[in-house]
Amino acid sequence: MTRFVVDVSAVLHLASKGTEISDTHKLLAPTLLRSQVLSTLHEAVHRGEMPADVARDRLARVGRMPIRLVGDAVLQRRAWDLADQLEWESTYNAEYLALTQLQADAFVTLDAELARSVQGIVATASIEELCATRSRE
């Protein structure tokens, strides 16, 4: 089983496509994912980029995804240290990295700049790798 940490960009992509994830993969995210998804969708509606009914449908789809949410003290300490190491003001992205280091095989984001900035810190995977299934022989 491959364990992937997914950020808001990856989760919303999966929700928009209605993608089912293979049971050979496990999805994880920091607990802040819930608030980020809600805010990102609301912002899109507010800017007129998406109808409210579509946003609410995607929010419901995300809510049904089998994502294990983690937000314990160990994760928070590691995120703090990573944000310091990377000289980031915010710890939001650092929580995804910390969770990847602590419990996962790879981090999935559609944010190319973020993916580049974390090279050498955590392994990354593409959305295509996340959606792929592995055959068991």
Protein backbone atom coordinates (compact mmCIF):
# COMPACT_ATOMS: atom_id res chain seq x y z
CA MET A 1 0.00 0.00 0.00
CA THR A 2 1.31 3.43 -0.97
CA ARG A 3 0.53 6.29 1.40
CA PHE A 4 0.08 9.72 -0.19
CA VAL A 5 -0.30 13.06 1.55
CA VAL A 6 -2.64 15.16 -0.58
CA ASP A 7 -2.99 18.92 -0.46
CA VAL A 8 -6.01 21.05 -1.28
CA SER A 9 -5.06 21.34 -4.97
CA ALA A 10 -4.86 17.57 -5.37
CA VAL A 11 -8.07 16.91 -3.45
CA LEU A 12 -10.06 19.47 -5.41
CA HIS A 13 -8.72 18.05 -8.66
CA LEU A 14 -9.86 14.57 -7.64
CA ALA A 15 -13.27 15.92 -6.61
CA SER A 16 -13.72 17.83 -9.87
CA LYS A 17 -12.96 14.70 -11.91
CA GLY A 18 -14.90 12.31 -9.69
CA THR A 19 -11.79 10.16 -9.48
CA GLU A 20 -11.88 7.01 -7.38
CA ILE A 21 -8.62 6.11 -5.67
CA SER A 22 -7.39 2.55 -5.76
CA ASP A 23 -7.61 0.66 -2.50
CA THR A 24 -3.89 0.01 -2.92
CA HIS A 25 -3.38 3.66 -1.92
CA LYS A 26 -4.05 5.41 1.36
CA LEU A 27 -4.68 9.17 1.50
CA LEU A 28 -3.61 11.36 4.39
CA ALA A 29 -3.77 15.10 5.07
CA PRO A 30 -3.41 17.51 7.96
CA THR A 31 -6.70 18.47 9.61
CA LEU A 32 -6.37 21.95 8.12
CA LEU A 33 -7.37 20.44 4.76
CA ARG A 34 -11.06 20.75 5.69
CA SER A 35 -10.84 24.51 6.19
CA GLN A 36 -8.68 24.99 3.11
CA VAL A 37 -11.13 23.09 0.90
CA LEU A 38 -14.10 25.05 2.27
CA SER A 39 -12.35 28.40 1.84
CA THR A 40 -10.97 27.64 -1.63
CA LEU A 41 -14.39 26.64 -2.92
CA HIS A 42 -16.13 29.61 -1.30
CA GLU A 43 -13.53 31.99 -2.75
CA ALA A 44 -14.08 30.53 -6.24
CA VAL A 45 -17.82 31.12 -5.93
CA HIS A 46 -17.29 34.63 -4.58
CA ARG A 47 -15.04 35.48 -7.56
CA GLY A 48 -17.64 34.11 -9.97
CA GLU A 49 -15.40 31.27 -11.15
CA MET A 50 -17.80 28.52 -10.10
CA PRO A 51 -21.53 28.25 -9.38
CA ALA A 52 -22.39 27.65 -5.72
CA ASP A 53 -24.12 24.33 -6.45
CA VAL A 54 -20.98 22.99 -8.15
CA ALA A 55 -18.81 24.12 -5.23
CA ARG A 56 -21.14 22.51 -2.71
CA ASP A 57 -21.13 19.28 -4.72
CA ARG A 58 -17.32 19.24 -4.72
CA LEU A 59 -17.29 19.94 -0.99
CA ALA A 60 -19.58 16.94 -0.48
CA ARG A 61 -17.36 14.77 -2.70
CA VAL A 62 -14.29 15.75 -0.68
CA GLY A 63 -16.19 14.90 2.50
CA ARG A 64 -16.78 11.38 1.18
CA MET A 65 -13.14 10.79 0.23
CA PRO A 66 -11.33 8.27 2.41
CA ILE A 67 -8.70 10.71 3.70
CA ARG A 68 -7.19 10.16 7.12
CA LEU A 69 -6.84 13.57 8.77
CA VAL A 70 -4.00 14.08 11.24
CA GLY A 71 -3.32 17.03 13.52
CA ASP A 72 -1.45 15.81 16.55
CA ALA A 73 1.29 17.55 18.55
CA VAL A 74 4.09 15.58 16.86
CA LEU A 75 2.92 16.82 13.46
CA GLN A 76 2.69 20.38 14.73
CA ARG A 77 6.22 20.33 16.17
CA ARG A 78 7.66 18.90 12.96
CA ALA A 79 5.75 21.46 10.86
CA TRP A 80 7.11 24.28 12.99
CA ASP A 81 10.67 23.01 12.52
CA LEU A 82 10.21 22.62 8.75
CA ALA A 83 8.76 26.13 8.42
CA ASP A 84 11.82 27.45 10.28
CA GLN A 85 14.18 25.40 8.11
CA LEU A 86 12.54 26.62 4.90
CA GLU A 87 12.18 30.18 6.23
CA TRP A 88 8.41 30.14 5.65
CA GLU A 89 6.22 32.49 7.69
CA SER A 90 3.23 30.18 7.46
CA THR A 91 3.16 26.59 8.66
CA TYR A 92 0.30 25.51 6.40
CA ASN A 93 2.41 23.87 3.68
CA ALA A 94 4.86 22.69 6.32
CA GLU A 95 2.08 20.57 7.85
CA TYR A 96 1.78 18.63 4.58
CA LEU A 97 5.53 18.10 4.48
CA ALA A 98 5.69 17.07 8.11
CA LEU A 99 2.93 14.52 7.61
CA THR A 100 4.71 13.17 4.55
CA GLN A 101 7.93 12.77 6.50
CA LEU A 102 6.21 11.15 9.46
CA GLN A 103 3.67 8.83 7.84
CA ALA A 104 3.67 8.75 4.05
CA ASP A 105 5.58 7.71 0.98
CA ALA A 106 4.99 10.83 -1.12
CA PHE A 107 3.34 14.25 -1.24
CA VAL A 108 0.91 15.10 -4.04
CA THR A 109 0.27 18.71 -5.05
CA LEU A 110 -0.68 20.40 -8.30
CA ASP A 111 1.28 23.47 -7.18
CA ALA A 112 4.44 23.13 -9.31
CA GLU A 113 6.29 25.84 -7.38
CA LEU A 114 5.58 24.12 -4.07
CA ALA A 115 6.64 20.75 -5.49
CA ARG A 116 9.94 22.26 -6.67
CA SER A 117 10.55 23.98 -3.34
CA VAL A 118 10.30 20.71 -1.39
CA GLN A 119 12.67 18.65 -3.51
CA GLY A 120 15.14 16.91 -1.25
CA ILE A 121 12.84 17.33 1.75
CA VAL A 122 10.05 14.92 0.84
CA ALA A 123 9.31 12.64 -2.09
CA THR A 124 6.63 13.97 -4.39
CA ALA A 125 4.28 12.15 -6.73
CA SER A 126 2.13 13.34 -9.59
CA ILE A 127 -1.64 13.22 -9.62
CA GLU A 128 -1.31 10.54 -12.33
CA GLU A 129 0.75 8.36 -9.98
CA LEU A 130 -1.88 8.80 -7.29
CA CYS A 131 -4.64 7.77 -9.70
CA ALA A 132 -2.71 4.76 -11.03
CA THR A 133 -3.43 1.30 -9.76
CA ARG A 134 -0.81 -1.28 -9.10
CA SER A 135 -1.48 -4.83 -10.10
CA ARG A 136 -0.84 -7.45 -7.45
CA GLU A 137 0.81 -10.59 -8.72
